[in-house]
Protein backbone atom coordinates (compact mmCIF):
# COMPACT_ATOMS: atom_id res chain seq x y z
CA MET A 1 26.92 -8.04 -23.85
CA ARG A 2 23.43 -7.32 -25.17
CA TYR A 3 21.97 -9.70 -22.56
CA PHE A 4 23.80 -7.82 -19.81
CA PHE A 5 22.41 -4.43 -20.86
CA CYS A 6 18.86 -5.80 -21.18
CA SER A 7 19.12 -7.41 -17.74
CA ALA A 8 20.58 -4.27 -16.18
CA PHE A 9 17.83 -2.16 -17.76
CA PHE A 10 15.06 -4.31 -16.25
CA VAL A 11 16.77 -4.55 -12.86
CA LEU A 12 17.05 -0.75 -12.71
CA LEU A 13 13.54 -0.20 -14.08
CA PHE A 14 11.79 -2.70 -11.77
CA PRO A 15 11.70 -0.44 -8.66
CA VAL A 16 10.12 2.33 -10.73
CA LEU A 17 7.47 -0.04 -12.10
CA ALA A 18 6.82 -1.53 -8.66
CA CYS A 19 6.12 1.94 -7.24
CA ALA A 20 3.81 2.92 -10.09
CA GLN A 21 0.44 1.93 -8.69
CA PRO A 22 -2.81 3.48 -7.49
CA SER A 23 -3.14 4.41 -3.82
CA ILE A 24 -6.60 5.24 -2.45
CA HIS A 25 -6.87 7.53 0.58
CA PHE A 26 -10.18 8.28 2.34
CA GLU A 27 -11.03 11.37 4.42
CA THR A 28 -12.85 9.05 6.84
CA MET A 29 -13.08 5.27 6.89
CA LYS A 30 -16.41 4.79 8.67
CA ARG A 31 -19.63 6.52 9.69
CA ASP A 32 -21.77 5.72 12.73
CA PHE A 33 -25.43 6.40 11.92
CA GLY A 34 -26.55 5.55 15.44
CA THR A 35 -29.97 3.93 15.72
CA VAL A 36 -31.79 3.76 12.38
CA ASN A 37 -35.32 2.45 11.87
CA GLN A 38 -35.68 -0.29 9.27
CA LYS A 39 -37.57 1.88 6.75
CA ASP A 40 -35.41 4.99 7.19
CA LYS A 41 -33.06 5.98 4.38
CA VAL A 42 -29.57 7.13 5.33
CA ASP A 43 -26.92 8.57 3.05
CA PHE A 44 -23.26 9.32 3.46
CA GLU A 45 -20.59 10.20 0.92
CA PHE A 46 -17.09 8.82 1.35
CA HIS A 47 -14.61 11.25 -0.16
CA PHE A 48 -11.35 9.83 -1.45
CA VAL A 49 -8.42 10.70 -3.67
CA ASN A 50 -5.92 8.67 -5.64
CA LYS A 51 -2.46 9.55 -4.33
CA GLY A 52 -0.79 6.95 -6.56
CA THR A 53 0.89 7.32 -9.89
CA GLU A 54 -1.46 5.08 -11.91
CA ASP A 55 -5.20 5.29 -12.58
CA LEU A 56 -7.43 4.03 -9.77
CA VAL A 57 -10.13 1.68 -11.06
CA ILE A 58 -12.97 0.73 -8.69
CA GLU A 59 -14.55 -2.44 -10.02
CA LYS A 60 -16.82 -3.48 -7.15
CA VAL A 61 -18.25 -1.86 -4.01
CA VAL A 62 -19.57 -4.05 -1.19
CA PRO A 63 -21.30 -2.62 1.91
CA SER A 64 -20.35 -4.11 5.26
């Protein structure tokens, strides 16, 4: 009986745990700088929010 209740608890809890995750949403996904000379410096800020239910951790950023 104890095994049944433990199994039922995890089966019912799994969908809640599966949905608990970070979800990053950007205002814009790309920026076209047009023609840029090699020595010119260009800046752009990507604004984003975490719409998930867990903390969003950004471990590495790689430019394209």
